[in-house]
Each structure stands twice: as C-alpha cells, then as structure tokens.
C-alpha cells in the first residue's frame, strides 16, 4: 500500500496491508491479552497512558512531521494536534479511577447494591484521517483505561501516524497484544466488520458510519458513531468588535483546511451587521497563507483526499449557477498537490449544496437573516446535529438561542473546539454515542448490577 504525500503527490513509503490471516492472528492475541490487561490495577493502566502522552510530547517534532507529510496539515497545526491529544489523555487519566470505580448504591441493610463497570472486551476502533491523534485518543485511551484490548484501524490516509501511535503505546507499557494496529484500506475494514469483536467505534462520514452500523447491528454489540456535520454559526446584531468576531469565526471555518467534523460550515449574520461582518471576514480569509505544509507561516495546506478539490469545485459551481456571489477563492491551485483556494460565497440559499451537504474543505457560505427566529430556523434546517455556535454580547439571549438548537454541542462566542471534560456526541446524521467526559469513559464498559444479601 503506497503512502502518498497530498502536497506533492509523491510516494512517501510503502506499507504492507493486513489480510485475513494477519487480522485473525491479531484478534486471537488480543483476546488473550485482554484477559490479563483487565486485571492490571487501574493505577498502573493510568500510569502507562500518562507515559504514552509524555512520549508523544518528547517526540512531538517527528510525530508532527509524519502527520503533516501524510495528510497535508500545516506543521504547526500538526504540533497543535499532538499537544491536544496529550491534554485529552491527561484529563482522561486523571479522572478514570473515580469514574470507573465500583459504585455503591445501597451500602447497608438486608440487601446491599452496587454497580461494577466491566470492560467490553476486544473493541474495534476505525479511525479518521483529519485528526488521527485527537479522534484516536477519544476512543483508544478510555478503552484501554477501562481494561479493553483495541484493534485500531487508522485511515489508510493516516497509516504512518497510526503506526506511530502503536509504537509509543507499546513503548509506554501497553502490551503488544492489547493494542494492535490493523493497516489497510476498506478491505481491511470489511474484515474487521466481519470479525467477532465486542464493540465498534467509528469516526468519519455519515455514509460510511451508516454502512458500518447496518453491518454490525445484527451482532447486538455496542456501536459508537462520531460522524460529520454541517455546523452552523449565527452572528447577532449586538456584537461590538466585528473585526475580532470575523477573525474568530473565519478560523473556525478554515482551520485544518476546514477538514473537521466541527468546522463552521455555514454562517448566518443579522442584517444590521451583515455588510461590516462580510467585509472583515473576507479581509481575514485573504490574509491566509497557502502553500507547502512544511513552510513557515502556512495556514492553508494541502487537502488530504485527492478527490476533494473536484468536489469543492462542484459545490462552488452549483452555488454560482443558483445565484450565489463569489467573494474570494473558488478553484484549485495549479501544480502538484491537492490545494484549493480558501473560498467565501454570499447570496447563498438552502437550495445550494454548499449550505446543505458537508463540504469538508476551505469553503464557506454566508447568509443574511432578519432576526433570531429566522437564524434558528435555518440553523436547524439540516440532517446533521453536531455543533452550533452563537456570537452575541448578551449571554441570556445566547443561552435562549442555544436551547433551541438541535445539536450535541453548542458554543457561545467560540466555535470549533472540543473539551475532554464534556461529552462529544452528535444527533441525527452526526451519529450517536459519546466520547470524552465521564460518559465517554463509561462507554467502553458494561455495567453489572450486584444484589448482595448475607445468609
């Protein structure tokens, strides 16, 4: 399997993909390893995962370079991702012992009652390429802390990073049979879906997530799906610092090339501040430096998937054919690499693909609204439900708007962020189940109820 640099289209290296024989061997080993791993005291498991984070920090330069080379992410953003994975691991390890401990519900009387949180067993983590350290950490760290073994399939577009994760987990002390990387494309994914595993956790597109859910549903095993989004943002008429708001929201739309499930994908602006906001927003976007991910000061790197420039071009052409106005960008760059200009469209409507279907790229549509009611109606006009943001001076007004939004995460005066302390979950086509937070630690357990009565 060739690993291609999306910024140059050159082959970085070649990796041997797994097959049926190797997958069966890894699962058999994981079954055996998990029986011992779940008996390791939680304090030791915590220490091992903390050492893993320390190793990532020590080797951040090489980790970031590998990540940047294979997915096209600017080098500084790759470092930011590794740092973010370390921060999430820190929270998860700091809270795992308390969250996963036995819970006494009735401690006295004739019958005592408690809950024990047992591991699922051997879980499958089919991960994503856009933030392989972050979305991987969301799953394999709590899964390991809870006593599970993990068969981890990185995206074929982030294979080298997946192998780095495996290397440092083993170096930290996770047994080689307890965390195993399955390399390959969708054919390897199919082998894992066919296998008898104890849970399936996927991060990626709605279409693939739906397929995985249908494939494993008959097994009656836990399935967690963190899927895409068409995340809306609303700028109210009471914002004061338009320049700052425009800069913050543009970053929310274009960071990581817009290749994030929680990137801002559509913006609604109150008519009273619309013109000023659009002017400042476009000014900010035009300041972004685009080019080789390894170069200094680059904000827009290469798109990871070679098909994406053509997909974004089609969204632009669809919008323009239906009356949209292009303010900047709108086309791929000439030369090698999967580059696409940061693109801003106005005069958009919900008849256009760019306002309905996930773009997953450096493109945004901005729409004028007359009041809060229209903004909420348009924000909820979607099959997705991952995040939604409100930029507003009045907290009470913002809170009221947030309560009307059908999304798993809502923001006030911020966007495109994730906290390890809060559950990360979607609604509708954005998936179901939770990662992170106390809820995300317990996702990888099966509670057992104990009724204890002395003779």
Protein backbone atom coordinates (compact mmCIF):
# COMPACT_ATOMS: atom_id res chain seq x y z
CA UNK A 1 0.00 0.00 0.00
CA UNK A 2 1.59 3.27 -1.12
CA UNK A 3 1.52 6.23 1.28
CA UNK A 4 1.13 9.40 -0.79
CA UNK A 5 2.08 12.94 0.22
CA UNK A 6 -1.02 15.02 -0.70
CA UNK A 7 1.06 18.19 -1.06
CA UNK A 8 3.34 16.74 -3.72
CA UNK A 9 1.66 13.51 -4.90
CA UNK A 10 4.97 11.74 -4.23
CA UNK A 11 5.16 8.29 -2.60
CA UNK A 12 6.44 8.64 0.98
CA UNK A 13 6.82 4.92 1.58
CA UNK A 14 5.08 1.59 1.09
CA UNK A 15 3.37 -0.34 3.88
CA UNK A 16 2.24 -3.95 3.89
CA UNK A 17 -1.52 -4.15 4.43
CA UNK A 18 -3.16 -6.71 6.67
CA UNK A 19 -5.09 -9.67 5.30
CA UNK A 20 -7.50 -12.25 6.71
CA UNK A 21 -4.71 -14.34 8.23
CA UNK A 22 -3.00 -11.44 10.00
CA UNK A 23 -6.28 -9.95 11.23
CA UNK A 24 -7.37 -13.29 12.69
CA UNK A 25 -3.99 -13.60 14.43
CA UNK A 26 -4.23 -10.11 15.92
CA UNK A 27 -7.73 -10.69 17.23
CA UNK A 28 -6.75 -14.03 18.78
CA UNK A 29 -3.79 -12.37 20.50
CA UNK A 30 -5.98 -9.50 21.66
CA UNK A 31 -8.46 -11.93 23.23
CA UNK A 32 -5.68 -13.48 25.25
CA UNK A 33 -4.02 -10.18 26.11
CA UNK A 34 -7.23 -8.53 27.27
CA UNK A 35 -7.80 -11.17 29.93
CA UNK A 36 -4.55 -10.13 31.60
CA UNK A 37 -4.82 -6.42 30.86
CA UNK A 38 -8.17 -6.02 32.62
CA UNK A 39 -6.57 -7.43 35.78
CA UNK A 40 -3.83 -4.78 35.79
CA UNK A 41 -4.69 -2.30 38.58
CA UNK A 42 -6.24 0.91 37.31
CA UNK A 43 -3.39 2.95 38.81
CA UNK A 44 -0.93 1.06 36.60
CA UNK A 45 -3.06 1.47 33.50
CA UNK A 46 -3.30 5.19 34.23
CA UNK A 47 0.48 5.47 34.64
CA UNK A 48 1.05 3.68 31.33
CA UNK A 49 -1.28 6.00 29.42
CA UNK A 50 0.33 9.01 31.08
CA UNK A 51 3.71 7.76 29.90
CA UNK A 52 2.26 7.44 26.40
CA UNK A 53 1.32 11.13 26.46
CA UNK A 54 4.79 12.01 27.75
CA UNK A 55 6.38 10.09 24.88
CA UNK A 56 4.23 11.95 22.35
CA UNK A 57 5.36 15.22 23.91
CA UNK A 58 9.01 14.21 23.82
CA UNK A 59 8.75 13.16 20.18
CA UNK A 60 6.35 15.88 19.05
CA UNK A 61 8.55 17.12 16.21
CA UNK A 62 8.84 13.75 14.48
CA UNK A 63 5.17 12.90 15.17
CA UNK A 64 4.07 16.22 13.67
CA UNK A 65 6.30 15.86 10.62
CA UNK A 66 4.96 12.38 9.85
CA UNK A 67 1.39 13.60 10.31
CA UNK A 68 1.93 16.70 8.17
CA UNK A 69 3.57 14.73 5.37
CA UNK A 70 0.82 12.14 5.03
CA UNK A 71 -2.31 14.31 5.49
CA UNK A 72 -1.14 17.75 4.26
CA UNK A 73 -1.74 19.53 7.58
CA UNK A 74 0.49 22.59 8.19
CA UNK A 75 3.32 21.59 10.52
CA UNK A 76 2.30 23.93 13.35
CA UNK A 77 -1.27 22.64 13.22
CA UNK A 78 0.12 19.10 13.37
CA UNK A 79 2.04 20.03 16.54
CA UNK A 80 -1.13 21.57 17.94
CA UNK A 81 -2.93 18.28 17.34
CA UNK A 82 -0.33 16.23 19.19
CA UNK A 83 -0.47 18.69 22.10
CA UNK A 84 -4.26 18.39 22.10
CA UNK A 85 -4.06 14.60 22.28
CA UNK A 86 -1.73 14.88 25.26
CA UNK A 87 -4.14 17.27 27.02
CA UNK A 88 -7.10 14.94 26.47
CA UNK A 89 -5.10 11.98 27.73
CA UNK A 90 -4.20 14.00 30.82
CA UNK A 91 -7.89 14.61 31.63
CA UNK A 92 -8.94 11.04 30.90
CA UNK A 93 -6.19 9.53 33.03
CA UNK A 94 -6.82 11.98 35.86
CA UNK A 95 -10.50 11.01 36.05
CA UNK A 96 -10.52 7.35 35.05
CA UNK A 97 -10.06 5.84 38.51
CA UNK A 98 -13.01 7.68 40.04
CA UNK A 99 -15.33 7.23 37.05
CA UNK A 100 -14.61 3.53 36.54
CA UNK A 101 -14.67 2.58 40.23
CA UNK A 102 -17.37 0.35 41.66
CA UNK A 103 -20.42 2.38 42.71
CA UNK A 104 -22.26 1.51 45.90
CA UNK A 105 -25.91 2.42 45.58
CA UNK A 106 -27.10 0.84 48.85
CA UNK A 107 -24.35 0.19 51.41
CA UNK A 108 -26.36 -1.07 54.38
CA UNK A 109 -29.49 -3.04 55.21
CA UNK A 110 -30.56 -6.53 54.32
CA UNK A 111 -29.58 -6.21 50.68
CA UNK A 112 -26.65 -4.12 49.51
CA UNK A 113 -26.44 -2.95 45.92
CA UNK A 114 -23.55 -1.85 43.73
CA UNK A 115 -22.58 -1.31 40.10
CA UNK A 116 -19.35 -2.71 38.67
CA UNK A 117 -18.08 -1.32 35.36
CA UNK A 118 -16.56 -4.22 33.44
CA UNK A 119 -14.70 -3.81 30.13
CA UNK A 120 -16.41 -4.73 26.87
CA UNK A 121 -13.55 -6.99 25.80
CA UNK A 122 -11.83 -6.51 22.44
CA UNK A 123 -13.07 -3.39 20.67
CA UNK A 124 -12.57 -2.19 17.13
CA UNK A 125 -11.64 1.45 16.55
CA UNK A 126 -11.95 2.50 12.91
CA UNK A 127 -10.48 5.97 12.97
CA UNK A 128 -10.29 9.08 10.78
CA UNK A 129 -7.54 10.86 8.86
CA UNK A 130 -8.36 14.51 9.61
CA UNK A 131 -7.32 14.43 13.29
CA UNK A 132 -5.86 10.95 13.83
CA UNK A 133 -4.25 11.76 17.18
CA UNK A 134 -7.31 13.54 18.57
CA UNK A 135 -10.12 11.29 17.36
CA UNK A 136 -8.00 8.25 18.14
CA UNK A 137 -7.33 9.45 21.68
CA UNK A 138 -11.08 9.90 22.17
CA UNK A 139 -11.52 6.15 21.75
CA UNK A 140 -8.43 4.06 22.43
CA UNK A 141 -7.30 5.89 25.58
CA UNK A 142 -10.57 5.42 27.53
CA UNK A 143 -10.98 1.94 26.06
CA UNK A 144 -7.56 0.91 27.37
CA UNK A 145 -8.12 2.61 30.72
CA UNK A 146 -11.34 0.61 31.12
CA UNK A 147 -9.45 -2.66 30.58
CA UNK A 148 -10.25 -3.39 26.95
CA UNK A 149 -7.95 -4.56 24.18
CA UNK A 150 -8.10 -2.47 21.00
CA UNK A 151 -7.80 -3.36 17.33
CA UNK A 152 -7.07 0.07 15.89
CA UNK A 153 -7.54 0.70 12.18
CA UNK A 154 -6.21 4.09 11.17
CA UNK A 155 -7.46 5.57 7.94
CA UNK A 156 -5.31 4.43 5.04
CA UNK A 157 -4.56 8.16 4.60
CA UNK A 158 -3.04 8.33 8.11
CA UNK A 159 -1.38 4.92 8.30
CA UNK A 160 2.06 6.14 9.37
CA UNK A 161 0.57 8.13 12.23
CA UNK A 162 -1.38 5.05 13.31
CA UNK A 163 1.85 3.08 13.43
CA UNK A 164 3.50 5.84 15.49
CA UNK A 165 0.61 5.68 17.96
CA UNK A 166 1.07 1.91 18.23
CA UNK A 167 4.83 2.28 18.72
CA UNK A 168 4.53 4.77 21.58
CA UNK A 169 1.71 2.90 23.31
CA UNK A 170 3.85 -0.23 23.35
CA UNK A 171 6.90 1.73 24.47
CA UNK A 172 4.81 3.20 27.30
CA UNK A 173 3.88 -0.27 28.55
CA UNK A 174 0.67 -1.29 26.80
CA UNK A 175 1.26 -4.96 25.90
CA UNK A 176 1.79 -5.59 22.20
CA UNK A 177 -1.21 -7.92 22.08
CA UNK A 178 -3.54 -5.45 23.83
CA UNK A 179 -3.23 -2.63 21.26
CA UNK A 180 -2.76 -3.69 17.67
CA UNK A 181 -2.81 -1.60 14.52
CA UNK A 182 -4.63 -3.01 11.50
CA UNK A 183 -3.28 -1.37 8.35
CA UNK A 184 -5.04 -1.22 5.03
CA UNK A 185 -7.94 0.28 3.13
CA UNK A 186 -11.65 -0.53 3.16
CA UNK A 187 -11.00 -4.23 2.52
CA UNK A 188 -9.31 -4.48 5.92
CA UNK A 189 -12.23 -2.56 7.40
CA UNK A 190 -14.58 -5.19 5.98
CA UNK A 191 -12.56 -7.95 7.64
CA UNK A 192 -12.96 -6.20 11.00
CA UNK A 193 -16.70 -5.76 10.48
CA UNK A 194 -16.93 -9.49 9.79
CA UNK A 195 -14.96 -10.39 12.91
CA UNK A 196 -16.44 -11.33 16.27
CA UNK A 197 -15.49 -8.24 18.28
CA UNK A 198 -17.11 -6.73 21.37
CA UNK A 199 -17.70 -3.17 20.23
CA UNK A 200 -17.27 -0.95 17.19
CA UNK A 201 -16.31 2.71 17.33
CA UNK A 202 -16.03 4.72 14.14
CA UNK A 203 -15.16 8.32 13.31
CA UNK A 204 -15.81 9.53 9.77
CA UNK A 205 -18.52 10.33 7.26
CA UNK A 206 -22.24 9.75 7.68
CA UNK A 207 -22.36 7.45 4.66
CA UNK A 208 -19.63 5.15 5.98
CA UNK A 209 -20.98 5.31 9.52
CA UNK A 210 -24.42 4.28 8.35
CA UNK A 211 -22.89 1.38 6.44
CA UNK A 212 -20.90 0.22 9.48
CA UNK A 213 -23.97 0.44 11.72
CA UNK A 214 -26.01 -1.66 9.33
CA UNK A 215 -23.20 -4.23 9.00
CA UNK A 216 -22.71 -4.78 12.74
CA UNK A 217 -26.26 -4.25 14.02
CA UNK A 218 -27.13 -7.95 13.89
CA UNK A 219 -24.29 -8.70 16.32
CA UNK A 220 -26.06 -6.76 19.09
CA UNK A 221 -22.74 -5.23 20.17
CA UNK A 222 -22.13 -1.62 21.22
CA UNK A 223 -21.53 0.74 18.31
CA UNK A 224 -20.44 4.36 18.62
CA UNK A 225 -20.53 6.67 15.60
CA UNK A 226 -18.94 10.14 15.53
CA UNK A 227 -19.90 11.36 12.09
CA UNK A 228 -19.94 14.54 10.06
CA UNK A 229 -21.63 17.86 10.47
CA UNK A 230 -22.92 20.89 8.64
CA UNK A 231 -22.26 23.07 11.63
CA UNK A 232 -23.97 26.48 11.68
CA UNK A 233 -22.91 29.75 13.31
CA UNK A 234 -25.01 32.85 13.96
CA UNK A 235 -23.71 36.39 14.46
CA UNK A 236 -26.31 38.58 16.17
CA UNK A 237 -26.79 42.32 15.77
CA UNK A 238 -25.38 43.23 19.20
CA UNK A 239 -21.77 42.15 18.60
CA UNK A 240 -19.42 45.08 19.06
CA UNK A 241 -15.98 44.08 17.81
CA UNK A 242 -16.82 42.94 14.28
CA UNK A 243 -13.17 42.54 13.31
CA UNK A 244 -12.47 40.14 16.17
CA UNK A 245 -15.66 38.17 15.59
CA UNK A 246 -14.89 37.85 11.89
CA UNK A 247 -11.36 36.61 12.62
CA UNK A 248 -12.51 34.07 15.20
CA UNK A 249 -15.30 32.69 13.06
CA UNK A 250 -13.13 32.52 9.93
CA UNK A 251 -10.63 30.47 11.91
CA UNK A 252 -13.48 28.20 12.95
CA UNK A 253 -14.34 27.67 9.31
CA UNK A 254 -10.88 27.32 7.76
CA UNK A 255 -8.60 25.80 10.42
CA UNK A 256 -7.19 22.45 9.27
CA UNK A 257 -8.41 23.37 5.78
CA UNK A 258 -11.96 23.12 7.07
CA UNK A 259 -11.42 19.36 7.36
CA UNK A 260 -13.05 18.95 10.73
CA UNK A 261 -16.39 17.47 11.70
CA UNK A 262 -16.96 20.53 13.90
CA UNK A 263 -15.68 23.16 11.46
CA UNK A 264 -18.08 26.04 10.88
CA UNK A 265 -19.73 25.11 7.57
CA UNK A 266 -22.40 27.80 7.21
CA UNK A 267 -22.76 31.27 8.70
CA UNK A 268 -25.87 33.38 9.34
CA UNK A 269 -25.47 37.08 10.09
CA UNK A 270 -28.06 39.57 11.31
CA UNK A 271 -28.82 42.09 8.58
CA UNK A 272 -27.77 45.05 10.78
CA UNK A 273 -24.15 43.89 10.92
CA UNK A 274 -24.01 41.77 7.77
CA UNK A 275 -22.11 44.14 5.47
CA UNK A 276 -19.48 45.03 8.05
CA UNK A 277 -19.02 41.41 9.03
CA UNK A 278 -18.61 40.15 5.46
CA UNK A 279 -16.04 42.85 4.72
CA UNK A 280 -13.93 41.91 7.73
CA UNK A 281 -14.40 38.18 7.17
CA UNK A 282 -13.15 38.32 3.57
CA UNK A 283 -10.23 40.52 4.63
CA UNK A 284 -9.24 37.88 7.19
CA UNK A 285 -9.55 35.00 4.74
CA UNK A 286 -7.49 36.78 2.10
CA UNK A 287 -4.67 37.10 4.64
CA UNK A 288 -4.29 33.33 4.94
CA UNK A 289 -1.04 31.98 3.55
CA UNK A 290 -1.47 28.87 1.40
CA UNK A 291 1.31 26.51 0.38
CA UNK A 292 3.59 23.67 1.41
CA UNK A 293 2.60 22.38 4.85
CA UNK A 294 6.26 22.37 5.89
CA UNK A 295 6.79 26.08 5.12
CA UNK A 296 6.80 28.70 7.85
CA UNK A 297 3.57 30.61 8.47
CA UNK A 298 1.35 28.41 6.30
CA UNK A 299 -2.29 28.38 7.39
CA UNK A 300 -3.89 26.55 4.44
CA UNK A 301 -2.11 23.34 3.49
CA UNK A 302 -2.99 20.55 1.10
CA UNK A 303 -6.32 18.75 1.22
CA UNK A 304 -5.82 15.15 2.29
CA UNK A 305 -8.05 13.43 -0.24
CA UNK A 306 -7.22 13.80 -3.92
CA UNK A 307 -10.92 13.79 -4.83
CA UNK A 308 -11.76 16.78 -2.64
CA UNK A 309 -10.74 19.70 -4.94
CA UNK A 310 -13.14 18.46 -7.62
CA UNK A 311 -15.90 18.02 -5.03
CA UNK A 312 -15.44 21.58 -3.75
CA UNK A 313 -15.33 22.94 -7.30
CA UNK A 314 -18.69 21.29 -7.94
CA UNK A 315 -20.16 22.93 -4.80
CA UNK A 316 -18.93 26.33 -5.97
CA UNK A 317 -20.35 25.88 -9.46
CA UNK A 318 -23.67 24.68 -8.08
CA UNK A 319 -23.92 27.77 -5.85
CA UNK A 320 -22.96 30.19 -8.62
CA UNK A 321 -25.46 28.64 -11.01
CA UNK A 322 -28.20 29.28 -8.43
CA UNK A 323 -27.36 32.92 -7.77
CA UNK A 324 -24.51 32.96 -5.24
CA UNK A 325 -21.72 35.55 -5.42
CA UNK A 326 -18.07 34.54 -5.11
CA UNK A 327 -16.03 36.97 -3.00
CA UNK A 328 -12.73 35.08 -2.99
CA UNK A 329 -11.21 31.75 -3.95
CA UNK A 330 -13.35 29.22 -5.75
CA UNK A 331 -10.88 26.96 -7.52
CA UNK A 332 -7.97 24.52 -7.08
CA UNK A 333 -4.41 25.79 -7.35
CA UNK A 334 -2.33 24.89 -10.40
CA UNK A 335 0.52 22.45 -10.00
CA UNK A 336 1.00 19.29 -7.96
CA UNK A 337 -0.80 18.74 -4.68
CA UNK A 338 -4.41 18.82 -3.51
CA UNK A 339 -4.68 22.57 -2.97
CA UNK A 340 -7.88 24.61 -3.02
CA UNK A 341 -8.18 28.35 -2.51
CA UNK A 342 -9.98 29.50 0.65
CA UNK A 343 -13.43 30.35 -0.67
CA UNK A 344 -16.19 32.68 0.50
CA UNK A 345 -19.68 32.72 -1.04
CA UNK A 346 -22.54 35.12 -0.27
CA UNK A 347 -26.10 35.46 -1.58
CA UNK A 348 -26.44 31.78 -0.72
CA UNK A 349 -29.64 29.85 -0.02
CA UNK A 350 -30.57 26.43 1.25
CA UNK A 351 -31.20 25.33 -2.31
CA UNK A 352 -27.43 25.17 -2.76
CA UNK A 353 -25.28 22.15 -1.91
CA UNK A 354 -22.76 24.32 -0.08
CA UNK A 355 -25.40 25.12 2.55
CA UNK A 356 -26.78 21.57 2.81
CA UNK A 357 -24.07 18.96 2.31
CA UNK A 358 -20.86 18.68 4.29
CA UNK A 359 -18.04 20.42 2.42
CA UNK A 360 -15.04 19.32 4.49
CA UNK A 361 -12.81 21.90 2.90
CA UNK A 362 -11.82 25.60 2.89
CA UNK A 363 -15.18 26.92 1.72
CA UNK A 364 -17.99 28.80 3.46
CA UNK A 365 -21.36 30.29 2.61
CA UNK A 366 -22.58 33.39 4.48
CA UNK A 367 -26.29 34.22 4.59
CA UNK A 368 -28.12 37.35 5.78
CA UNK A 369 -31.03 36.93 8.24
CA UNK A 370 -33.56 39.41 9.56
CA UNK A 371 -33.86 38.18 13.15
CA UNK A 372 -33.13 35.43 15.69
CA UNK A 373 -36.14 33.36 14.71
CA UNK A 374 -35.05 33.13 11.09
CA UNK A 375 -31.49 32.27 12.17
CA UNK A 376 -32.64 29.41 14.41
CA UNK A 377 -34.95 28.05 11.74
CA UNK A 378 -32.15 27.97 9.18
CA UNK A 379 -29.59 26.58 11.63
CA UNK A 380 -31.91 23.66 12.42
CA UNK A 381 -32.67 23.08 8.74
CA UNK A 382 -30.25 20.16 8.41
CA UNK A 383 -29.96 16.40 8.74
CA UNK A 384 -26.87 16.90 10.91
CA UNK A 385 -26.59 17.87 14.56
CA UNK A 386 -23.01 18.01 15.80
CA UNK A 387 -22.26 21.61 16.86
CA UNK A 388 -23.82 25.06 16.57
CA UNK A 389 -22.44 28.45 17.64
CA UNK A 390 -23.86 31.84 18.60
CA UNK A 391 -21.77 35.02 18.71
CA UNK A 392 -23.65 37.50 20.84
CA UNK A 393 -22.92 40.04 23.60
CA UNK A 394 -25.96 39.13 25.74
CA UNK A 395 -25.47 35.76 27.47
CA UNK A 396 -29.17 35.36 28.29
CA UNK A 397 -30.08 35.89 24.66
CA UNK A 398 -27.37 33.47 23.53
CA UNK A 399 -28.47 30.83 26.05
CA UNK A 400 -32.04 31.10 24.85
CA UNK A 401 -30.91 30.57 21.26
CA UNK A 402 -28.70 27.65 22.22
CA UNK A 403 -31.63 25.92 23.88
CA UNK A 404 -33.49 25.93 20.57
CA UNK A 405 -30.64 24.41 18.56
CA UNK A 406 -30.70 20.68 17.84
CA UNK A 407 -27.01 19.85 18.27
CA UNK A 408 -24.90 17.80 20.63
CA UNK A 409 -22.59 20.75 21.38
CA UNK A 410 -23.42 24.46 21.45
CA UNK A 411 -20.99 27.38 21.73
CA UNK A 412 -21.27 30.97 22.90
CA UNK A 413 -18.66 33.30 21.41
CA UNK A 414 -16.43 30.40 20.41
CA UNK A 415 -16.55 27.53 17.91
CA UNK A 416 -14.70 24.53 16.52
CA UNK A 417 -13.41 23.37 19.91
CA UNK A 418 -13.59 20.20 21.97
CA UNK A 419 -13.10 19.75 25.71
CA UNK A 420 -12.14 16.43 27.27
CA UNK A 421 -14.39 17.25 30.24
CA UNK A 422 -17.53 17.49 28.09
CA UNK A 423 -19.28 14.74 26.14
CA UNK A 424 -18.66 14.72 22.41
CA UNK A 425 -21.79 13.44 20.71
CA UNK A 426 -23.92 14.05 17.67
CA UNK A 427 -27.55 13.89 16.69
CA UNK A 428 -29.26 12.59 13.56
CA UNK A 429 -26.72 12.15 10.73
CA UNK A 430 -23.93 13.31 13.03
CA UNK A 431 -24.07 9.97 14.81
CA UNK A 432 -24.76 8.76 18.33
CA UNK A 433 -22.98 7.70 21.46
CA UNK A 434 -20.49 9.79 23.40
CA UNK A 435 -16.76 10.05 23.70
CA UNK A 436 -14.79 12.13 26.23
CA UNK A 437 -16.09 13.25 29.64
CA UNK A 438 -17.31 10.85 32.32
CA UNK A 439 -19.84 9.48 29.83
CA UNK A 440 -17.10 8.72 27.32
CA UNK A 441 -15.08 6.73 29.83
CA UNK A 442 -18.05 4.54 30.68
CA UNK A 443 -18.96 3.96 27.03
CA UNK A 444 -16.24 1.31 26.95
CA UNK A 445 -17.69 -0.63 29.87
CA UNK A 446 -20.69 -2.85 30.50
CA UNK A 447 -22.27 -2.20 33.90
CA UNK A 448 -23.03 -5.20 36.06
CA UNK A 449 -25.57 -4.93 38.88
CA UNK A 450 -24.77 -6.68 42.19
CA UNK A 451 -27.52 -7.58 44.70
CA UNK A 452 -25.78 -8.72 47.88
CA UNK A 453 -27.68 -10.34 50.73
CA UNK A 454 -25.99 -12.12 53.64
CA UNK A 455 -27.27 -15.51 54.85
